[in-house]
Amino acid sequence: MFSEVLALLTAVTNALGSVLAAKGMKNASSSVAAFYSVLTQAVVLTAILMTRLPLLNWFAVAYFALGGVLALGLGRLLYFAAMRSVGVARTSAIIGSSPVLTTCLSIILLTEAPLVSTLFGATLVAVGILLISGARGFRLEKALIVGLFSALSYSMSNIVSKMGLMIQADSVLSAQAGTLAGLLFILSYIIVTQQHGSLKIDRPSFAYFVATGLVSSLGWIALMKALETGVVSVVTTIVYSYPLFSLFFTRSFLRDEKLSMRVVAGSVLVIVGVVVVTLLKSV
C-alpha cells in the first residue's frame, strides 16, 4: 500500500498546485506562473541531487532534458495558458487524459495492435473531453485545444524520459535535469516574447507561485518513489485521478469558478477511461 499512498499524494499535490497557480494568475500571466513555479522546483530538486552527485551519462541526460522541455517547459506553459482561460477543473480533466495519449502514441510508435480495452478507454476519454468542453457537436473552444496539446506534450515527455531511464536509471537525476531544462525553455520563451518586464509581480502572486513549485517538488519526489516501489500501471492510474481532487479544491478555494454537471460527468469519464486503458492492458 505504500506506493499507492505515495501515488495518491502525487495526485493531491498536482491538483493543489493547479489551484495555487490559478490563484496567483489572477494578477500575473501564465508564463510568469510557469517560470516561478518551475524555478522553485529546480532549486528544490537541485538541492536534493547535490546530496549525492551521480556519474552522468550524457545521452541519458539529453533525454531527461528533452523530457523536461516537453513537460515542464512547453507542457506547463500550455497548461497554465489553458487553465487561465477555462479554469482548473476543465483543464485538469483534459491533462488527465495523458495516459491514454501515451498509450496511443506507444501503439503508433511501436506498431503494436491496439487492444479492445484501449479503444474503449480512449472513446470514454474523448466523450469526457467533449462534455468538459461544453461543445456542441465536435467543436472545441481554443483554450481546450491548447489543453489537449499540453496533454500531448506531457505524453511525449513520458516516452522520452523513459528512454533516458533505460540508459541511466536515476529518477532524481531525471527529475532535476528535466526541471532545469524546462526552466531554461520557459526563460527563453519569456525573453523571445519580450515578457521579462512582467516578471515583476506582487507578493501574493509570487507566494502562490513559489507554493506551487514547492507542492510540485513534493509531488515529483512522491511519484519517483511510488514508481520505484510499486506497479507502474497502478501508480499511473492513481496519479491521473487528480481531476477529481481538482474538482474538490476548485469548489473549496476558487468559488468564482463554477462547476457544471457536464464538467463533473466529463471528468469522471476521463478518469474511468484512464483506468480502463492502464489497468486492462493485459486483457
C-alpha atoms as a PDB file:
ATOM      1  CA  MET A   1       0.000   0.000   0.000  1.00  0.00           C
ATOM      2  CA  PHE A   2       2.999   2.340   0.405  1.00  0.00           C
ATOM      3  CA  SER A   3       3.347   3.054  -3.313  1.00  0.00           C
ATOM      4  CA  GLU A   4      -0.417   3.584  -3.660  1.00  0.00           C
ATOM      5  CA  VAL A   5      -0.375   6.138  -0.837  1.00  0.00           C
ATOM      6  CA  LEU A   6       2.534   7.970  -2.493  1.00  0.00           C
ATOM      7  CA  ALA A   7       0.701   7.970  -5.835  1.00  0.00           C
ATOM      8  CA  LEU A   8      -2.374   9.382  -4.119  1.00  0.00           C
ATOM      9  CA  LEU A   9      -0.172  12.082  -2.575  1.00  0.00           C
ATOM     10  CA  THR A  10       1.092  12.950  -6.071  1.00  0.00           C
ATOM     11  CA  ALA A  11      -2.476  13.278  -7.337  1.00  0.00           C
ATOM     12  CA  VAL A  12      -3.362  15.598  -4.456  1.00  0.00           C
ATOM     13  CA  THR A  13      -0.270  17.770  -4.979  1.00  0.00           C
ATOM     14  CA  ASN A  14      -0.985  18.034  -8.723  1.00  0.00           C
ATOM     15  CA  ALA A  15      -4.489  19.284  -8.006  1.00  0.00           C
ATOM     16  CA  LEU A  16      -3.417  21.601  -5.189  1.00  0.00           C
ATOM     17  CA  GLY A  17      -0.574  23.045  -7.274  1.00  0.00           C
ATOM     18  CA  SER A  18      -3.019  23.848 -10.073  1.00  0.00           C
ATOM     19  CA  VAL A  19      -5.323  25.728  -7.701  1.00  0.00           C
ATOM     20  CA  LEU A  20      -2.419  27.663  -6.169  1.00  0.00           C
ATOM     21  CA  ALA A  21      -1.194  28.665  -9.625  1.00  0.00           C
ATOM     22  CA  ALA A  22      -4.698  29.752 -10.597  1.00  0.00           C
ATOM     23  CA  LYS A  23      -4.911  31.955  -7.503  1.00  0.00           C
ATOM     24  CA  GLY A  24      -1.607  33.624  -8.401  1.00  0.00           C
ATOM     25  CA  MET A  25      -2.554  34.107 -12.058  1.00  0.00           C
ATOM     26  CA  LYS A  26      -5.335  36.498 -11.139  1.00  0.00           C
ATOM     27  CA  ASN A  27      -2.661  39.221 -11.180  1.00  0.00           C
ATOM     28  CA  ALA A  28       0.021  37.680 -13.405  1.00  0.00           C
ATOM     29  CA  SER A  29       0.433  35.920 -16.746  1.00  0.00           C
ATOM     30  CA  SER A  30       0.551  32.168 -17.301  1.00  0.00           C
ATOM     31  CA  SER A  31       4.182  32.305 -18.499  1.00  0.00           C
ATOM     32  CA  VAL A  32       5.247  34.104 -15.305  1.00  0.00           C
ATOM     33  CA  ALA A  33       3.406  31.489 -13.246  1.00  0.00           C
ATOM     34  CA  ALA A  34       5.238  28.727 -15.107  1.00  0.00           C
ATOM     35  CA  PHE A  35       8.611  30.464 -14.646  1.00  0.00           C
ATOM     36  CA  TYR A  36       8.434  30.986 -10.891  1.00  0.00           C
ATOM     37  CA  SER A  37       6.895  27.588 -10.139  1.00  0.00           C
ATOM     38  CA  VAL A  38       9.480  25.697 -12.227  1.00  0.00           C
ATOM     39  CA  LEU A  39      12.293  27.873 -10.808  1.00  0.00           C
ATOM     40  CA  THR A  40      11.277  26.888  -7.294  1.00  0.00           C
ATOM     41  CA  GLN A  41      11.054  23.244  -8.294  1.00  0.00           C
ATOM     42  CA  ALA A  42      14.509  23.398  -9.912  1.00  0.00           C
ATOM     43  CA  VAL A  43      16.058  24.854  -6.743  1.00  0.00           C
ATOM     44  CA  VAL A  44      14.493  22.179  -4.537  1.00  0.00           C
ATOM     45  CA  LEU A  45      15.410  19.233  -6.780  1.00  0.00           C
ATOM     46  CA  THR A  46      18.953  20.535  -7.344  1.00  0.00           C
ATOM     47  CA  ALA A  47      19.451  20.765  -3.582  1.00  0.00           C
ATOM     48  CA  ILE A  48      18.299  17.158  -3.251  1.00  0.00           C
ATOM     49  CA  LEU A  49      20.559  15.975  -6.081  1.00  0.00           C
ATOM     50  CA  MET A  50      23.553  17.742  -4.517  1.00  0.00           C
ATOM     51  CA  THR A  51      23.333  15.415  -1.519  1.00  0.00           C
ATOM     52  CA  ARG A  52      24.729  12.658  -3.741  1.00  0.00           C
ATOM     53  CA  LEU A  53      26.286  13.590  -7.062  1.00  0.00           C
ATOM     54  CA  PRO A  54      25.845  10.725  -9.563  1.00  0.00           C
ATOM     55  CA  LEU A  55      28.041   9.909 -12.528  1.00  0.00           C
ATOM     56  CA  LEU A  56      26.468  11.352 -15.663  1.00  0.00           C
ATOM     57  CA  ASN A  57      25.626   9.541 -18.862  1.00  0.00           C
ATOM     58  CA  TRP A  58      25.210  12.449 -21.241  1.00  0.00           C
ATOM     59  CA  PHE A  59      22.971  10.511 -23.636  1.00  0.00           C
ATOM     60  CA  ALA A  60      20.587   9.867 -20.752  1.00  0.00           C
ATOM     61  CA  VAL A  61      20.832  13.498 -19.615  1.00  0.00           C
ATOM     62  CA  ALA A  62      19.900  14.622 -23.139  1.00  0.00           C
ATOM     63  CA  TYR A  63      16.743  12.511 -22.996  1.00  0.00           C
ATOM     64  CA  PHE A  64      15.952  13.819 -19.500  1.00  0.00           C
ATOM     65  CA  ALA A  65      16.390  17.388 -20.723  1.00  0.00           C
ATOM     66  CA  LEU A  66      14.110  16.858 -23.719  1.00  0.00           C
ATOM     67  CA  GLY A  67      11.538  15.271 -21.450  1.00  0.00           C
ATOM     68  CA  GLY A  68      11.703  18.303 -19.178  1.00  0.00           C
ATOM     69  CA  VAL A  69      11.289  20.723 -22.078  1.00  0.00           C
ATOM     70  CA  LEU A  70       8.207  18.827 -23.232  1.00  0.00           C
ATOM     71  CA  ALA A  71       6.609  18.581 -19.770  1.00  0.00           C
ATOM     72  CA  LEU A  72       7.780  21.425 -17.543  1.00  0.00           C
ATOM     73  CA  GLY A  73       8.588  23.770 -20.421  1.00  0.00           C
ATOM     74  CA  LEU A  74       6.099  23.544 -23.266  1.00  0.00           C
ATOM     75  CA  GLY A  75       3.582  21.399 -21.396  1.00  0.00           C
ATOM     76  CA  ARG A  76       3.324  23.633 -18.341  1.00  0.00           C
ATOM     77  CA  LEU A  77       3.196  26.836 -20.413  1.00  0.00           C
ATOM     78  CA  LEU A  78       0.280  25.467 -22.412  1.00  0.00           C
ATOM     79  CA  TYR A  79      -1.358  24.025 -19.291  1.00  0.00           C
ATOM     80  CA  PHE A  80      -1.297  27.309 -17.394  1.00  0.00           C
ATOM     81  CA  ALA A  81      -2.460  29.204 -20.503  1.00  0.00           C
ATOM     82  CA  ALA A  82      -5.475  26.908 -20.853  1.00  0.00           C
ATOM     83  CA  MET A  83      -6.162  26.992 -17.125  1.00  0.00           C
ATOM     84  CA  ARG A  84      -6.170  30.783 -17.118  1.00  0.00           C
ATOM     85  CA  SER A  85      -8.864  30.759 -19.804  1.00  0.00           C
ATOM     86  CA  VAL A  86     -11.189  27.900 -18.845  1.00  0.00           C
ATOM     87  CA  GLY A  87     -10.352  27.171 -15.212  1.00  0.00           C
ATOM     88  CA  VAL A  88      -8.640  24.480 -13.143  1.00  0.00           C
ATOM     89  CA  ALA A  89     -11.296  21.760 -13.235  1.00  0.00           C
ATOM     90  CA  ARG A  90     -11.770  21.607 -17.003  1.00  0.00           C
ATOM     91  CA  THR A  91      -8.062  21.891 -17.844  1.00  0.00           C
ATOM     92  CA  SER A  92      -7.047  19.297 -15.230  1.00  0.00           C
ATOM     93  CA  ALA A  93      -9.501  16.805 -16.689  1.00  0.00           C
ATOM     94  CA  ILE A  94      -8.008  17.338 -20.155  1.00  0.00           C
ATOM     95  CA  ILE A  95      -4.485  16.739 -18.784  1.00  0.00           C
ATOM     96  CA  GLY A  96      -5.863  13.662 -17.053  1.00  0.00           C
ATOM     97  CA  SER A  97      -6.150  12.066 -20.486  1.00  0.00           C
ATOM     98  CA  SER A  98      -2.325  11.923 -20.770  1.00  0.00           C
ATOM     99  CA  PRO A  99      -2.008   8.165 -20.010  1.00  0.00           C
ATOM    100  CA  VAL A 100      -4.430   7.379 -22.828  1.00  0.00           C
ATOM    101  CA  LEU A 101      -2.499   9.598 -25.237  1.00  0.00           C
ATOM    102  CA  THR A 102       0.756   7.960 -24.094  1.00  0.00           C
ATOM    103  CA  THR A 103      -0.698   4.506 -24.717  1.00  0.00           C
ATOM    104  CA  CYS A 104      -1.947   5.509 -28.184  1.00  0.00           C
ATOM    105  CA  LEU A 105       1.430   7.040 -29.039  1.00  0.00           C
ATOM    106  CA  SER A 106       3.178   3.863 -27.897  1.00  0.00           C
ATOM    107  CA  ILE A 107       0.928   1.818 -30.165  1.00  0.00           C
ATOM    108  CA  ILE A 108       1.720   4.100 -33.116  1.00  0.00           C
ATOM    109  CA  LEU A 109       5.471   4.336 -32.457  1.00  0.00           C
ATOM    110  CA  LEU A 110       5.914   0.661 -31.571  1.00  0.00           C
ATOM    111  CA  THR A 111       3.404  -0.556 -34.227  1.00  0.00           C
ATOM    112  CA  GLU A 112       1.555  -2.690 -31.685  1.00  0.00           C
ATOM    113  CA  ALA A 113      -2.030  -3.801 -32.305  1.00  0.00           C
ATOM    114  CA  PRO A 114      -4.442  -1.788 -30.134  1.00  0.00           C
ATOM    115  CA  LEU A 115      -6.434  -3.709 -27.503  1.00  0.00           C
ATOM    116  CA  VAL A 116     -10.211  -3.544 -27.260  1.00  0.00           C
ATOM    117  CA  SER A 117      -9.823  -2.059 -23.768  1.00  0.00           C
ATOM    118  CA  THR A 118      -7.561   0.667 -25.170  1.00  0.00           C
ATOM    119  CA  LEU A 119     -10.064   1.638 -27.847  1.00  0.00           C
ATOM    120  CA  PHE A 120     -12.928   1.619 -25.328  1.00  0.00           C
ATOM    121  CA  GLY A 121     -10.978   3.669 -22.797  1.00  0.00           C
ATOM    122  CA  ALA A 122      -9.900   6.176 -25.455  1.00  0.00           C
ATOM    123  CA  THR A 123     -13.536   6.554 -26.512  1.00  0.00           C
ATOM    124  CA  LEU A 124     -14.580   7.287 -22.923  1.00  0.00           C
ATOM    125  CA  VAL A 125     -11.838   9.912 -22.662  1.00  0.00           C
ATOM    126  CA  ALA A 126     -12.910  11.520 -25.955  1.00  0.00           C
ATOM    127  CA  VAL A 127     -16.545  11.720 -24.817  1.00  0.00           C
ATOM    128  CA  GLY A 128     -15.421  13.095 -21.463  1.00  0.00           C
ATOM    129  CA  ILE A 129     -13.391  15.824 -23.156  1.00  0.00           C
ATOM    130  CA  LEU A 130     -16.369  16.824 -25.316  1.00  0.00           C
ATOM    131  CA  LEU A 131     -18.546  17.090 -22.207  1.00  0.00           C
ATOM    132  CA  ILE A 132     -15.930  19.138 -20.360  1.00  0.00           C
ATOM    133  CA  SER A 133     -15.504  21.492 -23.286  1.00  0.00           C
ATOM    134  CA  GLY A 134     -19.181  22.339 -23.336  1.00  0.00           C
ATOM    135  CA  ALA A 135     -19.019  21.823 -27.087  1.00  0.00           C
ATOM    136  CA  ARG A 136     -21.996  21.158 -29.325  1.00  0.00           C
ATOM    137  CA  GLY A 137     -21.185  18.516 -31.914  1.00  0.00           C
ATOM    138  CA  PHE A 138     -17.437  18.279 -32.497  1.00  0.00           C
ATOM    139  CA  ARG A 139     -16.412  21.879 -31.833  1.00  0.00           C
ATOM    140  CA  LEU A 140     -13.857  22.577 -29.122  1.00  0.00           C
ATOM    141  CA  GLU A 141     -13.013  26.031 -27.861  1.00  0.00           C
ATOM    142  CA  LYS A 142      -9.469  27.262 -28.436  1.00  0.00           C
ATOM    143  CA  ALA A 143      -8.345  27.029 -24.790  1.00  0.00           C
ATOM    144  CA  LEU A 144      -9.363  23.355 -24.591  1.00  0.00           C
ATOM    145  CA  ILE A 145      -7.389  22.625 -27.765  1.00  0.00           C
ATOM    146  CA  VAL A 146      -4.383  24.257 -26.063  1.00  0.00           C
ATOM    147  CA  GLY A 147      -5.016  21.927 -23.118  1.00  0.00           C
ATOM    148  CA  LEU A 148      -5.041  18.917 -25.432  1.00  0.00           C
ATOM    149  CA  PHE A 149      -1.683  19.950 -26.906  1.00  0.00           C
ATOM    150  CA  SER A 150      -0.405  20.270 -23.346  1.00  0.00           C
ATOM    151  CA  ALA A 151      -1.563  16.712 -22.599  1.00  0.00           C
ATOM    152  CA  LEU A 152       0.141  15.530 -25.805  1.00  0.00           C
ATOM    153  CA  SER A 153       3.348  17.276 -24.727  1.00  0.00           C
ATOM    154  CA  TYR A 154       3.208  15.575 -21.325  1.00  0.00           C
ATOM    155  CA  SER A 155       2.629  12.231 -23.040  1.00  0.00           C
ATOM    156  CA  MET A 156       5.651  12.635 -25.316  1.00  0.00           C
ATOM    157  CA  SER A 157       7.679  13.639 -22.283  1.00  0.00           C
ATOM    158  CA  ASN A 158       6.831  10.358 -20.546  1.00  0.00           C
ATOM    159  CA  ILE A 159       8.082   8.356 -23.522  1.00  0.00           C
ATOM    160  CA  VAL A 160      11.293  10.389 -23.926  1.00  0.00           C
ATOM    161  CA  SER A 161      12.071  10.302 -20.200  1.00  0.00           C
ATOM    162  CA  LYS A 162      11.569   6.527 -20.189  1.00  0.00           C
ATOM    163  CA  MET A 163      14.149   6.253 -22.980  1.00  0.00           C
ATOM    164  CA  GLY A 164      16.614   8.138 -20.796  1.00  0.00           C
ATOM    165  CA  LEU A 165      15.873   5.987 -17.759  1.00  0.00           C
ATOM    166  CA  MET A 166      16.591   2.877 -19.824  1.00  0.00           C
ATOM    167  CA  ILE A 167      20.107   4.269 -20.295  1.00  0.00           C
ATOM    168  CA  GLN A 168      20.638   5.543 -16.749  1.00  0.00           C
ATOM    169  CA  ALA A 169      18.123   4.510 -14.098  1.00  0.00           C
ATOM    170  CA  ASP A 170      18.283   7.554 -11.824  1.00  0.00           C
ATOM    171  CA  SER A 171      14.893   9.093 -11.101  1.00  0.00           C
ATOM    172  CA  VAL A 172      16.274  12.025  -9.095  1.00  0.00           C
ATOM    173  CA  LEU A 173      18.724  12.958 -11.852  1.00  0.00           C
ATOM    174  CA  SER A 174      15.934  12.622 -14.415  1.00  0.00           C
ATOM    175  CA  ALA A 175      13.643  14.916 -12.428  1.00  0.00           C
ATOM    176  CA  GLN A 176      16.346  17.528 -11.777  1.00  0.00           C
ATOM    177  CA  ALA A 177      17.760  17.602 -15.320  1.00  0.00           C
ATOM    178  CA  GLY A 178      14.281  17.772 -16.785  1.00  0.00           C
ATOM    179  CA  THR A 179      13.234  20.575 -14.450  1.00  0.00           C
ATOM    180  CA  LEU A 180      16.344  22.623 -15.227  1.00  0.00           C
ATOM    181  CA  ALA A 181      15.835  22.189 -18.975  1.00  0.00           C
ATOM    182  CA  GLY A 182      12.184  23.161 -18.603  1.00  0.00           C
ATOM    183  CA  LEU A 183      13.198  26.289 -16.697  1.00  0.00           C
ATOM    184  CA  LEU A 184      15.651  27.328 -19.435  1.00  0.00           C
ATOM    185  CA  PHE A 185      12.941  26.785 -22.070  1.00  0.00           C
ATOM    186  CA  ILE A 186      10.458  28.987 -20.192  1.00  0.00           C
ATOM    187  CA  LEU A 187      13.080  31.685 -19.605  1.00  0.00           C
ATOM    188  CA  SER A 188      13.984  31.660 -23.305  1.00  0.00           C
ATOM    189  CA  TYR A 189      10.319  31.957 -24.226  1.00  0.00           C
ATOM    190  CA  ILE A 190       9.877  34.946 -21.909  1.00  0.00           C
ATOM    191  CA  ILE A 191      12.945  36.686 -23.383  1.00  0.00           C
ATOM    192  CA  VAL A 192      11.982  35.995 -27.007  1.00  0.00           C
ATOM    193  CA  THR A 193       8.416  37.228 -26.455  1.00  0.00           C
ATOM    194  CA  GLN A 194       9.764  40.241 -24.524  1.00  0.00           C
ATOM    195  CA  GLN A 195       7.803  39.452 -21.374  1.00  0.00           C
ATOM    196  CA  HIS A 196      10.756  39.881 -18.988  1.00  0.00           C
ATOM    197  CA  GLY A 197       9.211  43.076 -17.655  1.00  0.00           C
ATOM    198  CA  SER A 198       6.231  41.054 -16.430  1.00  0.00           C
ATOM    199  CA  LEU A 199       8.459  39.105 -14.020  1.00  0.00           C
ATOM    200  CA  LYS A 200       7.926  41.920 -11.523  1.00  0.00           C
ATOM    201  CA  ILE A 201       4.797  40.779  -9.720  1.00  0.00           C
ATOM    202  CA  ASP A 202       3.112  41.463  -6.406  1.00  0.00           C
ATOM    203  CA  ARG A 203       3.996  39.477  -3.294  1.00  0.00           C
ATOM    204  CA  PRO A 204       0.763  37.447  -3.091  1.00  0.00           C
ATOM    205  CA  SER A 205       1.182  36.156  -6.658  1.00  0.00           C
ATOM    206  CA  PHE A 206       4.869  35.379  -6.050  1.00  0.00           C
ATOM    207  CA  ALA A 207       3.966  33.494  -2.876  1.00  0.00           C
ATOM    208  CA  TYR A 208       1.355  31.419  -4.719  1.00  0.00           C
ATOM    209  CA  PHE A 209       3.821  30.510  -7.482  1.00  0.00           C
ATOM    210  CA  VAL A 210       6.548  29.550  -5.007  1.00  0.00           C
ATOM    211  CA  ALA A 211       3.995  27.431  -3.144  1.00  0.00           C
ATOM    212  CA  THR A 212       3.077  25.796  -6.454  1.00  0.00           C
ATOM    213  CA  GLY A 213       6.740  24.920  -7.028  1.00  0.00           C
ATOM    214  CA  LEU A 214       7.130  23.513  -3.522  1.00  0.00           C
ATOM    215  CA  VAL A 215       3.999  21.400  -3.859  1.00  0.00           C
ATOM    216  CA  SER A 216       5.129  20.208  -7.308  1.00  0.00           C
ATOM    217  CA  SER A 217       8.538  19.234  -5.893  1.00  0.00           C
ATOM    218  CA  LEU A 218       6.835  17.110  -3.230  1.00  0.00           C
ATOM    219  CA  GLY A 219       4.706  15.528  -5.950  1.00  0.00           C
ATOM    220  CA  TRP A 220       7.771  14.694  -8.074  1.00  0.00           C
ATOM    221  CA  ILE A 221       9.534  13.048  -5.135  1.00  0.00           C
ATOM    222  CA  ALA A 222       6.439  11.065  -4.167  1.00  0.00           C
ATOM    223  CA  LEU A 223       5.919   9.958  -7.765  1.00  0.00           C
ATOM    224  CA  MET A 224       9.515   8.790  -8.227  1.00  0.00           C
ATOM    225  CA  LYS A 225       9.365   6.750  -5.016  1.00  0.00           C
ATOM    226  CA  ALA A 226       5.966   5.318  -5.961  1.00  0.00           C
ATOM    227  CA  LEU A 227       7.290   4.181  -9.347  1.00  0.00           C
ATOM    228  CA  GLU A 228      10.330   2.698  -7.629  1.00  0.00           C
ATOM    229  CA  THR A 229       8.326   0.607  -5.166  1.00  0.00           C
ATOM    230  CA  GLY A 230       5.028  -0.065  -6.937  1.00  0.00           C
ATOM    231  CA  VAL A 231       3.393  -1.305 -10.113  1.00  0.00           C
ATOM    232  CA  VAL A 232       3.643   1.343 -12.816  1.00  0.00           C
ATOM    233  CA  SER A 233       0.135   0.868 -14.234  1.00  0.00           C
ATOM    234  CA  VAL A 234      -1.494   1.124 -10.799  1.00  0.00           C
ATOM    235  CA  VAL A 235       0.601   4.123  -9.775  1.00  0.00           C
ATOM    236  CA  THR A 236      -0.137   5.941 -13.043  1.00  0.00           C
ATOM    237  CA  THR A 237      -3.862   5.362 -12.729  1.00  0.00           C
ATOM    238  CA  ILE A 238      -3.960   6.748  -9.189  1.00  0.00           C
ATOM    239  CA  VAL A 239      -1.830   9.767 -10.113  1.00  0.00           C
ATOM    240  CA  TYR A 240      -4.092  10.708 -13.020  1.00  0.00           C
ATOM    241  CA  SER A 241      -7.182  10.609 -10.827  1.00  0.00           C
ATOM    242  CA  TYR A 242      -6.242  14.145  -9.833  1.00  0.00           C
ATOM    243  CA  PRO A 243      -9.055  15.807 -11.846  1.00  0.00           C
ATOM    244  CA  LEU A 244     -11.382  14.622  -9.069  1.00  0.00           C
ATOM    245  CA  PHE A 245      -9.197  16.369  -6.476  1.00  0.00           C
ATOM    246  CA  SER A 246      -9.127  19.420  -8.743  1.00  0.00           C
ATOM    247  CA  LEU A 247     -12.925  19.486  -8.619  1.00  0.00           C
ATOM    248  CA  PHE A 248     -12.806  19.397  -4.820  1.00  0.00           C
ATOM    249  CA  PHE A 249     -10.135  22.098  -4.460  1.00  0.00           C
ATOM    250  CA  THR A 250     -11.817  24.256  -7.082  1.00  0.00           C
ATOM    251  CA  ARG A 251     -15.096  24.005  -5.202  1.00  0.00           C
ATOM    252  CA  SER A 252     -13.364  24.814  -1.897  1.00  0.00           C
ATOM    253  CA  PHE A 253     -10.876  27.557  -2.843  1.00  0.00           C
ATOM    254  CA  LEU A 254     -11.931  29.015  -6.212  1.00  0.00           C
ATOM    255  CA  ARG A 255     -15.532  29.893  -5.592  1.00  0.00           C
ATOM    256  CA  ASP A 256     -15.545  32.191  -8.614  1.00  0.00           C
ATOM    257  CA  GLU A 257     -15.041  29.145 -10.869  1.00  0.00           C
ATOM    258  CA  LYS A 258     -18.405  27.495 -11.489  1.00  0.00           C
ATOM    259  CA  LEU A 259     -18.729  23.741 -11.959  1.00  0.00           C
ATOM    260  CA  SER A 260     -21.466  22.304 -14.159  1.00  0.00           C
ATOM    261  CA  MET A 261     -22.769  18.744 -14.241  1.00  0.00           C
ATOM    262  CA  ARG A 262     -21.174  18.393 -17.694  1.00  0.00           C
ATOM    263  CA  VAL A 263     -17.729  19.186 -16.266  1.00  0.00           C
ATOM    264  CA  VAL A 264     -18.192  16.747 -13.370  1.00  0.00           C
ATOM    265  CA  ALA A 265     -19.532  13.979 -15.639  1.00  0.00           C
ATOM    266  CA  GLY A 266     -16.780  14.585 -18.200  1.00  0.00           C
ATOM    267  CA  SER A 267     -14.068  14.448 -15.519  1.00  0.00           C
ATOM    268  CA  VAL A 268     -15.427  11.123 -14.254  1.00  0.00           C
ATOM    269  CA  LEU A 269     -15.474   9.698 -17.799  1.00  0.00           C
ATOM    270  CA  VAL A 270     -11.864  10.773 -18.379  1.00  0.00           C
ATOM    271  CA  ILE A 271     -10.750   9.030 -15.179  1.00  0.00           C
ATOM    272  CA  VAL A 272     -12.732   5.862 -15.977  1.00  0.00           C
ATOM    273  CA  GLY A 273     -11.187   5.853 -19.459  1.00  0.00           C
ATOM    274  CA  VAL A 274      -7.696   6.141 -17.957  1.00  0.00           C
ATOM    275  CA  VAL A 275      -8.442   3.267 -15.569  1.00  0.00           C
ATOM    276  CA  VAL A 276      -9.668   1.081 -18.435  1.00  0.00           C
ATOM    277  CA  VAL A 277      -6.598   1.793 -20.582  1.00  0.00           C
ATOM    278  CA  THR A 278      -3.944   1.449 -17.865  1.00  0.00           C
ATOM    279  CA  LEU A 279      -5.335  -1.422 -15.783  1.00  0.00           C
ATOM    280  CA  LEU A 280      -6.753  -3.607 -18.565  1.00  0.00           C
ATOM    281  CA  LYS A 281      -3.680  -3.646 -20.842  1.00  0.00           C
ATOM    282  CA  SER A 282      -3.250  -7.349 -20.263  1.00  0.00           C
ATOM    283  CA  VAL A 283      -6.906  -8.149 -21.057  1.00  0.00           C
END
